[in-house]
Amino acid sequence: MRVLSLIICACVFLGACETIKGVGRDIENAGEALDDAVDSD
């Protein structure tokens, strides 16, 4: 039971890290788009 709990926690942790990376990329892309929009004016 303990091993199963550790495996589940590891999977959740790895999934959360990947989600956070994706959010970081989305925010970075939005910032770049905003910079491009400001620079084009």
Protein backbone atom coordinates (compact mmCIF):
# COMPACT_ATOMS: atom_id res chain seq x y z
CA MET A 1 0.00 0.00 0.00
CA ARG A 2 2.82 2.39 0.86
CA VAL A 3 4.59 1.71 -2.45
CA LEU A 4 1.39 2.35 -4.39
CA SER A 5 0.93 5.66 -2.56
CA LEU A 6 4.49 6.72 -3.42
CA ILE A 7 3.98 5.83 -7.08
CA ILE A 8 0.75 7.83 -7.24
CA CYS A 9 2.40 10.83 -5.55
CA ALA A 10 5.33 10.67 -7.99
CA CYS A 11 2.96 10.61 -10.98
CA VAL A 12 0.97 13.57 -9.67
CA PHE A 13 4.17 15.52 -8.98
CA LEU A 14 5.55 14.87 -12.46
CA GLY A 15 2.24 15.81 -14.05
CA ALA A 16 2.12 19.05 -12.07
CA CYS A 17 5.65 19.97 -13.15
CA GLU A 18 4.74 19.49 -16.79
CA THR A 19 1.61 21.60 -16.36
CA ILE A 20 3.59 24.41 -14.73
CA LYS A 21 6.09 24.33 -17.62
CA GLY A 22 3.20 24.65 -20.08
CA VAL A 23 1.73 27.61 -18.21
CA GLY A 24 5.15 29.27 -18.17
CA ARG A 25 5.47 28.86 -21.94
CA ASP A 26 1.97 30.27 -22.47
CA ILE A 27 2.75 33.33 -20.34
CA GLU A 28 6.04 33.83 -22.16
CA ASN A 29 4.32 33.62 -25.56
CA ALA A 30 1.65 36.10 -24.44
CA GLY A 31 4.35 38.51 -23.26
CA GLU A 32 6.18 38.25 -26.57
CA ALA A 33 2.95 38.88 -28.49
CA LEU A 34 2.29 41.94 -26.35
CA ASP A 35 5.82 43.23 -26.97
CA ASP A 36 5.37 42.71 -30.70
CA ALA A 37 2.05 44.57 -30.64
CA VAL A 38 3.58 47.52 -28.78
CA ASP A 39 6.64 47.59 -31.05
CA SER A 40 4.52 47.62 -34.21
CA ASP A 41 2.80 50.88 -33.20
